[in-house]
Amino acid sequence: MPRPVVLRPRFGIVLTCLVWAICVFCVLSLAFGPGVIDALRYLPAFALAAFACWAVFWAPAVSLDLSGVSLRNIVRTRRITWPAITAVETKYTLTIHAGRARYTAWAAPAPSRFAVSRAAKADLRHLPRSTYGPEGTVALGDIPSSDSGLAALHVRRQWEALREAGYLESGLVEGAGVVTTWHRGTLIALAALALATLVGALA
């Protein structure tokens, strides 16, 4: 049975930590330099930058569990049940097909040319069967060392295992649709911080 997996963009986590460190440094520099008043005026701006970076580069994720795949993007999450999945591709980013609809994952972009040039043939062996094209080829986005390839590997491996075991047709894995959840808290926080930043700039 599928085991829970959560995948996040590795570069995004590093970038977020770097931005947080810069924001903290700037706030402390203002507090111990020009004064506490200036630090308080510009604190919302730095908080906005830190929170926006988290929302864009850290929070997005691809999650897998027994009931399906969740694609957490910046403003909403798509919950796709295993029986609803019809195909998986990685042309520009991890994309899951559910019937005629296609759902992309912000957290699993395709690799850069540099990453592709470093890939070895050994990396393309023993992948799930649905990874290979008609002539046994593998798309560039399916390289397991990339964010899109690693996410696709986990999705295809668990999806194929459930299908071959007969769980998708037997009803043991329920659901056959997609549920969308909007990140209202994130949107409200971004709007509040943007307003506070404007107030601080005009004060």
Foldseek 3Di string as FASTA:
>chain_A
DADKDKDFAPVLVVVLVVLLVVLVVVLVCCCVPVHNLLSQLCVLVSVLVSLQSCLAHPPFIWIDDLQAIWADHRWKIKGAGLLQFDAWDQQAFTWTDGPPDIDGHSRGGADDPVVLVPADPVQLPPAQPRQADPVRDGDSRLRCVGSRNVSVRSRRVVSVVCVVVPVSVVCVRDDHDMDMDTPVVSVVSSVVSVVSNVVSVVD
